[in-house]
Amino acid sequence: YGGKRALGPVSFEISDGETVGFLGLNGAGKTTALRILACDLR
């Protein structure tokens, strides 16, 4: 966001049928990661 890094670089894989939890303190990048996965954020 501007010059501030909110996420990354991160790499991971999630298989079909898995239930995966994203953990982190406030501002850790959890919501940003989920919004990107939901195509709500580029």
All heavy atoms as atom14 arrays in JSON, in Angstrom:
{
  "sequence": "YGGKRALGPVSFEISDGETVGFLGLNGAGKTTALRILACDLR",
  "atom14_mask": [
    [1, 1, 1, 1, 1, 1, 1, 1, 1, 1, 1, 1, 0, 0],
    [1, 1, 1, 1, 0, 0, 0, 0, 0, 0, 0, 0, 0, 0],
    [1, 1, 1, 1, 0, 0, 0, 0, 0, 0, 0, 0, 0, 0],
    [1, 1, 1, 1, 1, 1, 1, 1, 1, 0, 0, 0, 0, 0],
    [1, 1, 1, 1, 1, 1, 1, 1, 1, 1, 1, 0, 0, 0],
    [1, 1, 1, 1, 1, 0, 0, 0, 0, 0, 0, 0, 0, 0],
    [1, 1, 1, 1, 1, 1, 1, 1, 0, 0, 0, 0, 0, 0],
    [1, 1, 1, 1, 0, 0, 0, 0, 0, 0, 0, 0, 0, 0],
    [1, 1, 1, 1, 1, 1, 1, 0, 0, 0, 0, 0, 0, 0],
    [1, 1, 1, 1, 1, 1, 1, 0, 0, 0, 0, 0, 0, 0],
    [1, 1, 1, 1, 1, 1, 0, 0, 0, 0, 0, 0, 0, 0],
    [1, 1, 1, 1, 1, 1, 1, 1, 1, 1, 1, 0, 0, 0],
    [1, 1, 1, 1, 1, 1, 1, 1, 1, 0, 0, 0, 0, 0],
    [1, 1, 1, 1, 1, 1, 1, 1, 0, 0, 0, 0, 0, 0],
    [1, 1, 1, 1, 1, 1, 0, 0, 0, 0, 0, 0, 0, 0],
    [1, 1, 1, 1, 1, 1, 1, 1, 0, 0, 0, 0, 0, 0],
    [1, 1, 1, 1, 0, 0, 0, 0, 0, 0, 0, 0, 0, 0],
    [1, 1, 1, 1, 1, 1, 1, 1, 1, 0, 0, 0, 0, 0],
    [1, 1, 1, 1, 1, 1, 1, 0, 0, 0, 0, 0, 0, 0],
    [1, 1, 1, 1, 1, 1, 1, 0, 0, 0, 0, 0, 0, 0],
    [1, 1, 1, 1, 0, 0, 0, 0, 0, 0, 0, 0, 0, 0],
    [1, 1, 1, 1, 1, 1, 1, 1, 1, 1, 1, 0, 0, 0],
    [1, 1, 1, 1, 1, 1, 1, 1, 0, 0, 0, 0, 0, 0],
    [1, 1, 1, 1, 0, 0, 0, 0, 0, 0, 0, 0, 0, 0],
    [1, 1, 1, 1, 1, 1, 1, 1, 0, 0, 0, 0, 0, 0],
    [1, 1, 1, 1, 1, 1, 1, 1, 0, 0, 0, 0, 0, 0],
    [1, 1, 1, 1, 0, 0, 0, 0, 0, 0, 0, 0, 0, 0],
    [1, 1, 1, 1, 1, 0, 0, 0, 0, 0, 0, 0, 0, 0],
    [1, 1, 1, 1, 0, 0, 0, 0, 0, 0, 0, 0, 0, 0],
    [1, 1, 1, 1, 1, 1, 1, 1, 1, 0, 0, 0, 0, 0],
    [1, 1, 1, 1, 1, 1, 1, 0, 0, 0, 0, 0, 0, 0],
    [1, 1, 1, 1, 1, 1, 1, 0, 0, 0, 0, 0, 0, 0],
    [1, 1, 1, 1, 1, 0, 0, 0, 0, 0, 0, 0, 0, 0],
    [1, 1, 1, 1, 1, 1, 1, 1, 0, 0, 0, 0, 0, 0],
    [1, 1, 1, 1, 1, 1, 1, 1, 1, 1, 1, 0, 0, 0],
    [1, 1, 1, 1, 1, 1, 1, 1, 0, 0, 0, 0, 0, 0],
    [1, 1, 1, 1, 1, 1, 1, 1, 0, 0, 0, 0, 0, 0],
    [1, 1, 1, 1, 1, 0, 0, 0, 0, 0, 0, 0, 0, 0],
    [1, 1, 1, 1, 1, 1, 0, 0, 0, 0, 0, 0, 0, 0],
    [1, 1, 1, 1, 1, 1, 1, 1, 0, 0, 0, 0, 0, 0],
    [1, 1, 1, 1, 1, 1, 1, 1, 0, 0, 0, 0, 0, 0],
    [1, 1, 1, 1, 1, 1, 1, 1, 1, 1, 1, 0, 0, 0]
  ],
  "atom14_positions": [
    [[0.87, -1.16, 0.0], [0.0, 0.0, 0.0], [0.91, 1.22, 0.0], [1.47, 1.58, 1.04], [-0.92, 0.01, 1.21], [-1.91, -1.13, 1.22], [-1.69, -2.26, 1.99], [-3.08, -1.06, 0.46], [-2.6, -3.31, 2.0], [-4.0, -2.1, 0.46], [-3.76, -3.21, 1.24], [-4.67, -4.25, 1.25], [0.0, 0.0, 0.0], [0.0, 0.0, 0.0]],
    [[1.08, 1.83, -1.17], [2.08, 2.87, -1.29], [3.45, 2.24, -1.11], [3.8, 1.27, -1.76], [0.0, 0.0, 0.0], [0.0, 0.0, 0.0], [0.0, 0.0, 0.0], [0.0, 0.0, 0.0], [0.0, 0.0, 0.0], [0.0, 0.0, 0.0], [0.0, 0.0, 0.0], [0.0, 0.0, 0.0], [0.0, 0.0, 0.0], [0.0, 0.0, 0.0]],
    [[4.23, 2.76, -0.18], [5.54, 2.17, 0.08], [5.54, 1.21, 1.24], [6.59, 0.7, 1.64], [0.0, 0.0, 0.0], [0.0, 0.0, 0.0], [0.0, 0.0, 0.0], [0.0, 0.0, 0.0], [0.0, 0.0, 0.0], [0.0, 0.0, 0.0], [0.0, 0.0, 0.0], [0.0, 0.0, 0.0], [0.0, 0.0, 0.0], [0.0, 0.0, 0.0]],
    [[4.35, 0.92, 1.8], [4.27, 0.04, 2.96], [3.92, -1.38, 2.53], [2.92, -1.6, 1.84], [3.22, 0.56, 3.94], [3.13, -0.24, 5.22], [2.11, 0.35, 6.18], [2.02, -0.47, 7.47], [1.01, 0.09, 8.41], [0.0, 0.0, 0.0], [0.0, 0.0, 0.0], [0.0, 0.0, 0.0], [0.0, 0.0, 0.0], [0.0, 0.0, 0.0]],
    [[4.73, -2.34, 2.98], [4.49, -3.74, 2.65], [3.48, -4.33, 3.63], [3.68, -4.31, 4.83], [5.78, -4.54, 2.71], [5.61, -6.03, 2.4], [6.96, -6.72, 2.36], [7.62, -6.68, 3.66], [7.46, -7.61, 4.61], [6.68, -8.65, 4.4], [8.09, -7.5, 5.75], [0.0, 0.0, 0.0], [0.0, 0.0, 0.0], [0.0, 0.0, 0.0]],
    [[2.38, -4.85, 3.11], [1.37, -5.5, 3.94], [1.5, -7.01, 3.93], [1.12, -7.68, 4.89], [-0.04, -5.12, 3.47], [0.0, 0.0, 0.0], [0.0, 0.0, 0.0], [0.0, 0.0, 0.0], [0.0, 0.0, 0.0], [0.0, 0.0, 0.0], [0.0, 0.0, 0.0], [0.0, 0.0, 0.0], [0.0, 0.0, 0.0], [0.0, 0.0, 0.0]],
    [[2.08, -7.54, 2.84], [2.2, -8.99, 2.71], [3.33, -9.33, 1.77], [3.52, -8.69, 0.74], [0.89, -9.58, 2.14], [0.87, -11.1, 1.92], [0.85, -11.84, 3.25], [-0.34, -11.5, 1.08], [0.0, 0.0, 0.0], [0.0, 0.0, 0.0], [0.0, 0.0, 0.0], [0.0, 0.0, 0.0], [0.0, 0.0, 0.0], [0.0, 0.0, 0.0]],
    [[4.07, -10.38, 2.16], [4.99, -11.03, 1.24], [6.43, -10.56, 1.27], [6.8, -9.67, 2.03], [0.0, 0.0, 0.0], [0.0, 0.0, 0.0], [0.0, 0.0, 0.0], [0.0, 0.0, 0.0], [0.0, 0.0, 0.0], [0.0, 0.0, 0.0], [0.0, 0.0, 0.0], [0.0, 0.0, 0.0], [0.0, 0.0, 0.0], [0.0, 0.0, 0.0]],
    [[7.16, -11.28, 0.37], [6.67, -12.33, -0.51], [6.42, -13.64, 0.25], [7.26, -14.05, 1.05], [7.79, -12.49, -1.54], [9.02, -12.05, -0.82], [8.59, -10.98, 0.14], [0.0, 0.0, 0.0], [0.0, 0.0, 0.0], [0.0, 0.0, 0.0], [0.0, 0.0, 0.0], [0.0, 0.0, 0.0], [0.0, 0.0, 0.0], [0.0, 0.0, 0.0]],
    [[5.28, -14.27, -0.01], [4.94, -15.55, 0.61], [4.58, -16.56, -0.47], [4.0, -16.2, -1.5], [3.77, -15.43, 1.62], [4.16, -14.55, 2.79], [2.52, -14.89, 0.95], [0.0, 0.0, 0.0], [0.0, 0.0, 0.0], [0.0, 0.0, 0.0], [0.0, 0.0, 0.0], [0.0, 0.0, 0.0], [0.0, 0.0, 0.0], [0.0, 0.0, 0.0]],
    [[4.93, -17.8, -0.22], [4.6, -18.9, -1.13], [4.03, -20.05, -0.32], [4.55, -20.38, 0.75], [5.84, -19.37, -1.9], [6.39, -18.32, -2.68], [0.0, 0.0, 0.0], [0.0, 0.0, 0.0], [0.0, 0.0, 0.0], [0.0, 0.0, 0.0], [0.0, 0.0, 0.0], [0.0, 0.0, 0.0], [0.0, 0.0, 0.0], [0.0, 0.0, 0.0]],
    [[2.95, -20.64, -0.8], [2.35, -21.79, -0.11], [1.43, -22.52, -1.07], [1.03, -21.98, -2.12], [1.58, -21.35, 1.14], [0.51, -20.32, 0.89], [-0.77, -20.68, 0.46], [0.78, -18.97, 1.06], [-1.75, -19.73, 0.22], [-0.21, -18.0, 0.82], [-1.47, -18.4, 0.4], [0.0, 0.0, 0.0], [0.0, 0.0, 0.0], [0.0, 0.0, 0.0]],
    [[1.09, -23.76, -0.7], [0.14, -24.56, -1.47], [-0.91, -25.14, -0.53], [-0.6, -25.48, 0.62], [0.86, -25.7, -2.21], [1.8, -25.22, -3.31], [2.37, -26.37, -4.13], [1.9, -27.52, -3.93], [3.27, -26.13, -4.95], [0.0, 0.0, 0.0], [0.0, 0.0, 0.0], [0.0, 0.0, 0.0], [0.0, 0.0, 0.0], [0.0, 0.0, 0.0]],
    [[-2.13, -25.23, -1.02], [-3.24, -25.79, -0.25], [-3.95, -26.8, -1.13], [-4.33, -26.49, -2.27], [-4.21, -24.69, 0.21], [-3.49, -23.71, 1.15], [-5.44, -25.3, 0.89], [-4.3, -22.48, 1.49], [0.0, 0.0, 0.0], [0.0, 0.0, 0.0], [0.0, 0.0, 0.0], [0.0, 0.0, 0.0], [0.0, 0.0, 0.0], [0.0, 0.0, 0.0]],
    [[-4.12, -28.01, -0.63], [-4.71, -29.09, -1.42], [-6.23, -29.09, -1.32], [-6.81, -28.52, -0.38], [-4.17, -30.45, -0.95], [-2.77, -30.51, -1.04], [0.0, 0.0, 0.0], [0.0, 0.0, 0.0], [0.0, 0.0, 0.0], [0.0, 0.0, 0.0], [0.0, 0.0, 0.0], [0.0, 0.0, 0.0], [0.0, 0.0, 0.0], [0.0, 0.0, 0.0]],
    [[-6.88, -29.73, -2.28], [-8.33, -29.89, -2.26], [-8.77, -30.58, -0.97], [-8.15, -31.56, -0.54], [-8.8, -30.74, -3.44], [-8.76, -29.97, -4.75], [-8.79, -28.74, -4.71], [-8.67, -30.61, -5.81], [0.0, 0.0, 0.0], [0.0, 0.0, 0.0], [0.0, 0.0, 0.0], [0.0, 0.0, 0.0], [0.0, 0.0, 0.0], [0.0, 0.0, 0.0]],
    [[-9.82, -30.07, -0.36], [-10.39, -30.71, 0.82], [-9.73, -30.35, 2.13], [-10.21, -30.75, 3.2], [0.0, 0.0, 0.0], [0.0, 0.0, 0.0], [0.0, 0.0, 0.0], [0.0, 0.0, 0.0], [0.0, 0.0, 0.0], [0.0, 0.0, 0.0], [0.0, 0.0, 0.0], [0.0, 0.0, 0.0], [0.0, 0.0, 0.0], [0.0, 0.0, 0.0]],
    [[-8.65, -29.58, 2.11], [-7.99, -29.16, 3.36], [-8.77, -28.04, 4.03], [-9.46, -27.25, 3.39], [-6.57, -28.66, 3.08], [-5.52, -29.72, 3.01], [-4.13, -29.13, 3.1], [-3.74, -28.34, 2.22], [-3.41, -29.46, 4.06], [0.0, 0.0, 0.0], [0.0, 0.0, 0.0], [0.0, 0.0, 0.0], [0.0, 0.0, 0.0], [0.0, 0.0, 0.0]],
    [[-8.64, -27.99, 5.35], [-9.1, -26.84, 6.12], [-7.87, -26.2, 6.74], [-7.2, -26.81, 7.57], [-10.1, -27.26, 7.22], [-11.23, -27.88, 6.61], [-10.57, -26.06, 8.02], [0.0, 0.0, 0.0], [0.0, 0.0, 0.0], [0.0, 0.0, 0.0], [0.0, 0.0, 0.0], [0.0, 0.0, 0.0], [0.0, 0.0, 0.0], [0.0, 0.0, 0.0]],
    [[-7.57, -24.98, 6.32], [-6.31, -24.33, 6.68], [-6.61, -23.04, 7.45], [-7.45, -22.23, 7.05], [-5.47, -24.02, 5.43], [-4.19, -23.26, 5.81], [-5.13, -25.3, 4.68], [0.0, 0.0, 0.0], [0.0, 0.0, 0.0], [0.0, 0.0, 0.0], [0.0, 0.0, 0.0], [0.0, 0.0, 0.0], [0.0, 0.0, 0.0], [0.0, 0.0, 0.0]],
    [[-5.91, -22.86, 8.56], [-6.07, -21.67, 9.38], [-4.95, -20.67, 9.15], [-3.78, -21.05, 9.1], [0.0, 0.0, 0.0], [0.0, 0.0, 0.0], [0.0, 0.0, 0.0], [0.0, 0.0, 0.0], [0.0, 0.0, 0.0], [0.0, 0.0, 0.0], [0.0, 0.0, 0.0], [0.0, 0.0, 0.0], [0.0, 0.0, 0.0], [0.0, 0.0, 0.0]],
    [[-5.3, -19.41, 9.0], [-4.33, -18.32, 8.89], [-4.25, -17.64, 10.25], [-5.24, -17.07, 10.72], [-4.76, -17.33, 7.82], [-4.5, -17.78, 6.41], [-5.21, -18.84, 5.87], [-3.53, -17.17, 5.62], [-4.99, -19.27, 4.57], [-3.29, -17.6, 4.32], [-4.02, -18.65, 3.8], [0.0, 0.0, 0.0], [0.0, 0.0, 0.0], [0.0, 0.0, 0.0]],
    [[-3.08, -17.71, 10.87], [-2.87, -17.12, 12.19], [-1.92, -15.93, 12.1], [-1.01, -15.91, 11.28], [-2.27, -18.16, 13.14], [-3.16, -19.31, 13.6], [-2.34, -20.27, 14.45], [-4.34, -18.78, 14.38], [0.0, 0.0, 0.0], [0.0, 0.0, 0.0], [0.0, 0.0, 0.0], [0.0, 0.0, 0.0], [0.0, 0.0, 0.0], [0.0, 0.0, 0.0]],
    [[-2.11, -14.96, 12.98], [-1.21, -13.83, 13.03], [-1.78, -12.72, 13.88], [-2.98, -12.64, 14.1], [0.0, 0.0, 0.0], [0.0, 0.0, 0.0], [0.0, 0.0, 0.0], [0.0, 0.0, 0.0], [0.0, 0.0, 0.0], [0.0, 0.0, 0.0], [0.0, 0.0, 0.0], [0.0, 0.0, 0.0], [0.0, 0.0, 0.0], [0.0, 0.0, 0.0]],
    [[-0.9, -11.87, 14.39], [-1.34, -10.71, 15.16], [-2.02, -9.72, 14.24], [-2.0, -9.86, 13.01], [-0.13, -10.06, 15.84], [0.68, -10.94, 16.8], [1.92, -10.19, 17.29], [-0.16, -11.38, 17.97], [0.0, 0.0, 0.0], [0.0, 0.0, 0.0], [0.0, 0.0, 0.0], [0.0, 0.0, 0.0], [0.0, 0.0, 0.0], [0.0, 0.0, 0.0]],
    [[-2.66, -8.71, 14.82], [-3.26, -7.65, 14.0], [-2.2, -7.0, 13.12], [-1.1, -6.67, 13.58], [-3.89, -6.58, 14.9], [-5.14, -7.08, 15.6], [-5.85, -7.93, 15.07], [-5.42, -6.55, 16.78], [0.0, 0.0, 0.0], [0.0, 0.0, 0.0], [0.0, 0.0, 0.0], [0.0, 0.0, 0.0], [0.0, 0.0, 0.0], [0.0, 0.0, 0.0]],
    [[-2.51, -6.85, 11.84], [-1.55, -6.26, 10.92], [-0.55, -7.24, 10.36], [0.38, -6.83, 9.65], [0.0, 0.0, 0.0], [0.0, 0.0, 0.0], [0.0, 0.0, 0.0], [0.0, 0.0, 0.0], [0.0, 0.0, 0.0], [0.0, 0.0, 0.0], [0.0, 0.0, 0.0], [0.0, 0.0, 0.0], [0.0, 0.0, 0.0], [0.0, 0.0, 0.0]],
    [[-0.74, -8.53, 10.62], [0.23, -9.53, 10.15], [0.07, -9.85, 8.68], [0.97, -10.41, 8.06], [0.09, -10.82, 10.97], [0.0, 0.0, 0.0], [0.0, 0.0, 0.0], [0.0, 0.0, 0.0], [0.0, 0.0, 0.0], [0.0, 0.0, 0.0], [0.0, 0.0, 0.0], [0.0, 0.0, 0.0], [0.0, 0.0, 0.0], [0.0, 0.0, 0.0]],
    [[-1.07, -9.52, 8.09], [-1.29, -9.78, 6.67], [-2.33, -10.84, 6.38], [-2.53, -11.21, 5.22], [0.0, 0.0, 0.0], [0.0, 0.0, 0.0], [0.0, 0.0, 0.0], [0.0, 0.0, 0.0], [0.0, 0.0, 0.0], [0.0, 0.0, 0.0], [0.0, 0.0, 0.0], [0.0, 0.0, 0.0], [0.0, 0.0, 0.0], [0.0, 0.0, 0.0]],
    [[-3.04, -11.32, 7.42], [-4.02, -12.4, 7.23], [-5.16, -11.97, 6.3], [-5.46, -12.66, 5.33], [-4.61, -12.83, 8.57], [-3.63, -13.24, 9.63], [-4.32, -13.79, 10.85], [-5.34, -12.86, 11.45], [-4.76, -11.57, 11.9], [0.0, 0.0, 0.0], [0.0, 0.0, 0.0], [0.0, 0.0, 0.0], [0.0, 0.0, 0.0], [0.0, 0.0, 0.0]],
    [[-5.79, -10.85, 6.63], [-6.93, -10.4, 5.83], [-6.49, -10.05, 4.41], [-7.2, -10.34, 3.44], [-7.61, -9.2, 6.5], [-8.21, -9.62, 7.73], [-8.67, -8.6, 5.61], [0.0, 0.0, 0.0], [0.0, 0.0, 0.0], [0.0, 0.0, 0.0], [0.0, 0.0, 0.0], [0.0, 0.0, 0.0], [0.0, 0.0, 0.0], [0.0, 0.0, 0.0]],
    [[-5.32, -9.45, 4.28], [-4.8, -9.13, 2.94], [-4.64, -10.41, 2.12], [-5.04, -10.46, 0.95], [-3.45, -8.41, 3.05], [-3.62, -7.17, 3.74], [-2.86, -8.14, 1.68], [0.0, 0.0, 0.0], [0.0, 0.0, 0.0], [0.0, 0.0, 0.0], [0.0, 0.0, 0.0], [0.0, 0.0, 0.0], [0.0, 0.0, 0.0], [0.0, 0.0, 0.0]],
    [[-4.08, -11.45, 2.73], [-3.89, -12.72, 2.02], [-5.23, -13.31, 1.61], [-5.41, -13.77, 0.47], [-3.12, -13.7, 2.9], [0.0, 0.0, 0.0], [0.0, 0.0, 0.0], [0.0, 0.0, 0.0], [0.0, 0.0, 0.0], [0.0, 0.0, 0.0], [0.0, 0.0, 0.0], [0.0, 0.0, 0.0], [0.0, 0.0, 0.0], [0.0, 0.0, 0.0]],
    [[-6.21, -13.3, 2.51], [-7.51, -13.88, 2.2], [-8.23, -13.07, 1.11], [-8.9, -13.64, 0.24], [-8.37, -13.95, 3.46], [-7.89, -14.9, 4.56], [-8.9, -14.96, 5.69], [-7.63, -16.29, 4.01], [0.0, 0.0, 0.0], [0.0, 0.0, 0.0], [0.0, 0.0, 0.0], [0.0, 0.0, 0.0], [0.0, 0.0, 0.0], [0.0, 0.0, 0.0]],
    [[-8.12, -11.75, 1.15], [-8.77, -10.93, 0.13], [-8.16, -11.17, -1.25], [-8.86, -11.15, -2.27], [-8.67, -9.45, 0.51], [-9.55, -9.03, 1.68], [-9.45, -7.54, 1.93], [-9.95, -6.79, 0.77], [-9.76, -5.48, 0.61], [-9.08, -4.78, 1.52], [-10.24, -4.86, -0.46], [0.0, 0.0, 0.0], [0.0, 0.0, 0.0], [0.0, 0.0, 0.0]],
    [[-6.85, -11.41, -1.29], [-6.21, -11.73, -2.57], [-6.7, -13.08, -3.08], [-7.03, -13.24, -4.26], [-4.67, -11.74, -2.42], [-4.16, -10.31, -2.19], [-4.01, -12.34, -3.66], [-2.67, -10.23, -1.88], [0.0, 0.0, 0.0], [0.0, 0.0, 0.0], [0.0, 0.0, 0.0], [0.0, 0.0, 0.0], [0.0, 0.0, 0.0], [0.0, 0.0, 0.0]],
    [[-6.81, -14.06, -2.17], [-7.29, -15.39, -2.57], [-8.74, -15.33, -3.03], [-9.16, -16.13, -3.88], [-7.14, -16.36, -1.4], [-5.71, -16.72, -1.01], [-5.69, -17.51, 0.29], [-5.05, -17.54, -2.11], [0.0, 0.0, 0.0], [0.0, 0.0, 0.0], [0.0, 0.0, 0.0], [0.0, 0.0, 0.0], [0.0, 0.0, 0.0], [0.0, 0.0, 0.0]],
    [[-9.52, -14.41, -2.47], [-10.93, -14.27, -2.85], [-11.1, -13.4, -4.1], [-12.22, -13.17, -4.54], [-11.72, -13.67, -1.7], [0.0, 0.0, 0.0], [0.0, 0.0, 0.0], [0.0, 0.0, 0.0], [0.0, 0.0, 0.0], [0.0, 0.0, 0.0], [0.0, 0.0, 0.0], [0.0, 0.0, 0.0], [0.0, 0.0, 0.0], [0.0, 0.0, 0.0]],
    [[-9.98, -12.93, -4.67], [-10.01, -12.01, -5.82], [-10.75, -10.72, -5.49], [-11.36, -10.09, -6.35], [-10.62, -12.69, -7.04], [-9.6, -14.02, -7.7], [0.0, 0.0, 0.0], [0.0, 0.0, 0.0], [0.0, 0.0, 0.0], [0.0, 0.0, 0.0], [0.0, 0.0, 0.0], [0.0, 0.0, 0.0], [0.0, 0.0, 0.0], [0.0, 0.0, 0.0]],
    [[-10.7, -10.33, -4.24], [-11.26, -9.06, -3.79], [-10.18, -7.98, -3.8], [-10.48, -6.79, -3.69], [-11.84, -9.22, -2.38], [-12.56, -7.98, -1.88], [-13.38, -7.45, -2.64], [-12.29, -7.56, -0.75], [0.0, 0.0, 0.0], [0.0, 0.0, 0.0], [0.0, 0.0, 0.0], [0.0, 0.0, 0.0], [0.0, 0.0, 0.0], [0.0, 0.0, 0.0]],
    [[-8.93, -8.41, -3.94], [-7.78, -7.51, -3.9], [-6.73, -8.05, -4.86], [-6.48, -9.26, -4.9], [-7.21, -7.44, -2.48], [-6.18, -6.37, -2.15], [-6.8, -4.98, -2.25], [-5.64, -6.59, -0.74], [0.0, 0.0, 0.0], [0.0, 0.0, 0.0], [0.0, 0.0, 0.0], [0.0, 0.0, 0.0], [0.0, 0.0, 0.0], [0.0, 0.0, 0.0]],
    [[-6.14, -7.18, -5.64], [-5.12, -7.59, -6.61], [-3.74, -7.5, -5.97], [-3.4, -6.5, -5.33], [-5.18, -6.68, -7.84], [-4.29, -7.12, -8.99], [-4.43, -6.16, -10.17], [-3.58, -6.57, -11.29], [-3.98, -7.39, -12.24], [-5.21, -7.89, -12.19], [-3.17, -7.71, -13.23], [0.0, 0.0, 0.0], [0.0, 0.0, 0.0], [0.0, 0.0, 0.0]]
  ]
}
